[in-house]
Amino acid sequence: MIYEQLGDYIKNRIEVSDENLNTILSYFKPLKQDKNDLLLSAGQTSQHTYFVGKGCLRLYFINEEGKDVTRYIAFENQIATALVSFITKLPSLEYIQVIEKSELLYISHEDFNHLLKTVPEWMQFYCSYLEKAYVNNTNRLMSFTTMDALERYQWLLKINPTIVKRLPNKIVASYINVSQETLSRLKSKF
């Protein structure tokens, strides 16, 4: 089932032959994780990219005030990795945390790069993934400088209401860069 999910996820982004899709899928390994497990800690080098079949992953870092700042949340049928570390092979500043009991598929950095060299469609997939990551990160950054707290909350409800429905207020607040108290006030208005 989870391999079918990943196959569909890939086919929704690129055209790929069945043979090459099966080759790609063969490099992914299953992994079950419990709530609050850490897949990556700050200071480690990101060696894996994860596909979420069931559950939720959160990428976060600790800011200069010692507070968690959630950068990315991946639910079912999404991919997550500490991308800067994965690309540069330098120690990550981010953590990858399992938020809900999760069923994942993962691919190693080495296997990921092998596919880039041997399966042309994988390069197309990677480009598509990088473009989407860039757009998402740019939109989030712009929201912090062009929107007030209420507008960021409304934006989140519009683009990804699942975050508000499924995750604790602490994580939602850190994702839209507001305090938990502010988030509670915003939620009471809706």
Protein backbone atom coordinates (compact mmCIF):
# COMPACT_ATOMS: atom_id res chain seq x y z
CA MET A 1 0.00 0.00 0.00
CA ILE A 2 2.65 2.56 0.99
CA TYR A 3 4.70 1.77 -2.12
CA GLU A 4 1.58 2.39 -4.22
CA GLN A 5 1.16 5.74 -2.46
CA LEU A 6 4.73 6.72 -3.29
CA GLY A 7 4.32 5.49 -6.87
CA ASP A 8 1.19 7.62 -7.29
CA TYR A 9 2.95 10.60 -5.71
CA ILE A 10 5.81 10.30 -8.22
CA LYS A 11 3.51 9.71 -11.22
CA ASN A 12 1.50 12.83 -10.30
CA ARG A 13 4.67 14.89 -10.74
CA ILE A 14 6.45 13.30 -13.69
CA GLU A 15 5.93 10.90 -16.55
CA VAL A 16 7.81 7.70 -15.78
CA SER A 17 7.82 4.23 -17.29
CA ASP A 18 6.64 1.35 -15.12
CA GLU A 19 10.12 -0.15 -15.30
CA ASN A 20 11.82 3.01 -14.09
CA LEU A 21 9.16 3.59 -11.43
CA ASN A 22 9.79 0.10 -10.09
CA THR A 23 13.53 0.81 -10.08
CA ILE A 24 12.95 4.02 -8.10
CA LEU A 25 10.63 2.33 -5.61
CA SER A 26 13.12 -0.51 -5.07
CA TYR A 27 15.53 1.94 -3.43
CA PHE A 28 13.03 3.00 -0.75
CA LYS A 29 12.91 1.09 2.54
CA PRO A 30 9.98 0.91 4.99
CA LEU A 31 10.23 2.42 8.46
CA LYS A 32 7.73 2.62 11.31
CA GLN A 33 8.27 5.30 13.95
CA ASP A 34 6.54 6.23 17.19
CA LYS A 35 5.28 9.66 18.18
CA ASN A 36 8.07 12.04 19.25
CA ASP A 37 10.90 9.94 17.76
CA LEU A 38 13.69 12.01 16.27
CA LEU A 39 14.83 10.99 12.79
CA LEU A 40 17.50 13.71 12.74
CA SER A 41 19.00 15.96 15.39
CA ALA A 42 20.80 19.26 14.93
CA GLY A 43 24.47 18.57 14.35
CA GLN A 44 23.87 15.36 12.41
CA THR A 45 24.16 15.23 8.63
CA SER A 46 20.92 14.50 6.82
CA GLN A 47 21.36 11.08 5.21
CA HIS A 48 17.75 10.25 4.31
CA THR A 49 14.71 11.58 2.53
CA TYR A 50 11.37 10.38 3.91
CA PHE A 51 8.00 9.77 2.28
CA VAL A 52 5.06 9.81 4.70
CA GLY A 53 2.59 7.01 4.06
CA LYS A 54 0.77 7.54 7.33
CA GLY A 55 1.38 10.05 10.11
CA CYS A 56 3.23 13.32 10.31
CA LEU A 57 6.80 14.65 10.40
CA ARG A 58 7.95 18.08 11.52
CA LEU A 59 11.16 19.88 10.64
CA TYR A 60 12.16 22.49 13.18
CA PHE A 61 15.13 24.39 14.55
CA ILE A 62 15.85 26.16 17.81
CA ASN A 63 16.09 29.94 17.50
CA GLU A 64 18.44 32.27 19.40
CA GLU A 65 15.88 32.54 22.22
CA GLY A 66 15.81 28.78 22.63
CA LYS A 67 12.33 28.33 21.14
CA ASP A 68 11.23 25.72 18.60
CA VAL A 69 10.51 27.16 15.16
CA THR A 70 8.65 24.78 12.86
CA ARG A 71 9.83 25.16 9.28
CA TYR A 72 7.95 22.36 7.54
CA ILE A 73 5.26 19.81 8.27
CA ALA A 74 4.75 16.69 6.15
CA PHE A 75 1.54 14.67 6.32
CA GLU A 76 0.53 11.68 4.24
CA ASN A 77 1.79 11.67 0.66
CA GLN A 78 4.46 14.27 1.27
CA ILE A 79 8.25 14.13 1.36
CA ALA A 80 10.49 15.54 4.07
CA THR A 81 14.21 15.94 4.57
CA ALA A 82 16.56 18.49 6.06
CA LEU A 83 17.22 19.67 2.53
CA VAL A 84 20.14 22.04 3.15
CA SER A 85 22.09 19.35 4.99
CA PHE A 86 21.02 16.69 2.49
CA ILE A 87 22.38 18.78 -0.40
CA THR A 88 25.52 20.20 1.25
CA LYS A 89 26.41 17.15 3.37
CA LEU A 90 27.07 19.58 6.25
CA PRO A 91 25.65 19.13 9.77
CA SER A 92 22.00 20.09 9.99
CA LEU A 93 20.67 22.97 12.05
CA GLU A 94 17.28 21.26 11.99
CA TYR A 95 15.56 18.37 13.69
CA ILE A 96 13.16 15.95 12.04
CA GLN A 97 10.57 14.80 14.57
CA VAL A 98 7.76 12.27 14.26
CA ILE A 99 4.60 14.05 15.42
CA GLU A 100 2.18 11.16 15.00
CA LYS A 101 2.91 7.44 14.91
CA SER A 102 4.11 7.11 11.32
CA GLU A 103 4.65 4.67 8.50
CA LEU A 104 7.40 5.95 6.24
CA LEU A 105 9.54 5.03 3.30
CA TYR A 106 13.07 6.39 3.19
CA ILE A 107 15.88 6.56 0.68
CA SER A 108 19.52 7.12 1.55
CA HIS A 109 21.52 10.03 0.20
CA GLU A 110 23.75 7.59 -1.67
CA ASP A 111 20.81 5.78 -3.31
CA PHE A 112 19.07 9.08 -4.09
CA ASN A 113 22.16 10.29 -5.96
CA HIS A 114 22.58 6.93 -7.71
CA LEU A 115 19.04 7.31 -9.09
CA LEU A 116 19.86 10.84 -10.28
CA LYS A 117 22.68 9.35 -12.38
CA THR A 118 20.85 6.27 -13.65
CA VAL A 119 17.15 7.16 -14.03
CA PRO A 120 16.59 10.38 -16.02
CA GLU A 121 13.01 10.73 -14.72
CA TRP A 122 14.33 10.88 -11.15
CA MET A 123 16.20 14.08 -12.05
CA GLN A 124 12.90 15.50 -13.35
CA PHE A 125 11.22 14.51 -10.09
CA TYR A 126 14.02 16.09 -8.06
CA CYS A 127 13.78 19.35 -10.01
CA SER A 128 10.02 19.41 -9.44
CA TYR A 129 10.56 18.76 -5.72
CA LEU A 130 13.20 21.51 -5.44
CA GLU A 131 10.96 24.01 -7.25
CA LYS A 132 8.06 23.28 -4.93
CA ALA A 133 10.29 23.52 -1.85
CA TYR A 134 11.65 26.87 -3.05
CA VAL A 135 8.16 28.27 -3.68
CA ASN A 136 6.88 27.04 -0.30
CA ASN A 137 9.85 28.45 1.61
CA THR A 138 9.67 31.79 -0.20
CA ASN A 139 5.93 32.12 0.44
CA ARG A 140 6.41 31.32 4.12
CA LEU A 141 9.25 33.83 4.46
CA MET A 142 7.21 36.50 2.71
CA SER A 143 4.23 35.79 4.98
CA PHE A 144 6.38 36.61 8.02
CA THR A 145 7.31 40.02 6.64
CA THR A 146 4.12 41.04 4.82
CA MET A 147 1.31 39.62 7.00
CA ASP A 148 0.22 40.19 10.56
CA ALA A 149 -0.62 37.26 12.86
CA LEU A 150 -4.29 37.12 11.85
CA GLU A 151 -3.43 37.14 8.15
CA ARG A 152 -0.87 34.34 8.63
CA TYR A 153 -3.45 32.26 10.47
CA GLN A 154 -6.05 32.86 7.74
CA TRP A 155 -3.42 31.99 5.10
CA LEU A 156 -2.64 28.74 6.93
CA LEU A 157 -6.35 27.85 7.12
CA LYS A 158 -6.57 28.44 3.37
CA ILE A 159 -3.45 26.57 2.20
CA ASN A 160 -3.19 23.77 4.77
CA PRO A 161 -6.05 23.52 7.30
CA THR A 162 -4.88 20.01 8.25
CA ILE A 163 -2.08 21.59 10.28
CA VAL A 164 -4.62 23.38 12.48
CA LYS A 165 -6.94 20.36 12.71
CA ARG A 166 -4.37 17.69 13.55
CA LEU A 167 -1.51 19.33 15.40
CA PRO A 168 -1.16 20.78 18.91
CA ASN A 169 -1.37 24.55 19.31
CA LYS A 170 2.32 24.71 20.27
CA ILE A 171 3.37 23.40 16.85
CA VAL A 172 0.81 25.45 14.92
CA ALA A 173 1.95 28.61 16.73
CA SER A 174 5.61 27.90 15.98
CA TYR A 175 4.74 27.27 12.31
CA ILE A 176 3.09 30.68 11.83
CA ASN A 177 5.53 32.45 14.18
CA VAL A 178 3.12 33.54 16.92
CA SER A 179 2.86 32.77 20.61
CA GLN A 180 0.44 30.10 21.82
CA GLU A 181 -1.58 32.81 23.54
CA THR A 182 -1.91 34.75 20.28
CA LEU A 183 -2.92 31.58 18.47
CA SER A 184 -5.63 30.91 21.07
CA ARG A 185 -7.01 34.42 20.53
CA LEU A 186 -6.94 33.96 16.75
CA LYS A 187 -8.71 30.60 16.98
CA SER A 188 -11.45 32.10 19.15
CA LYS A 189 -12.27 34.53 16.31
CA PHE A 190 -13.09 31.63 13.97
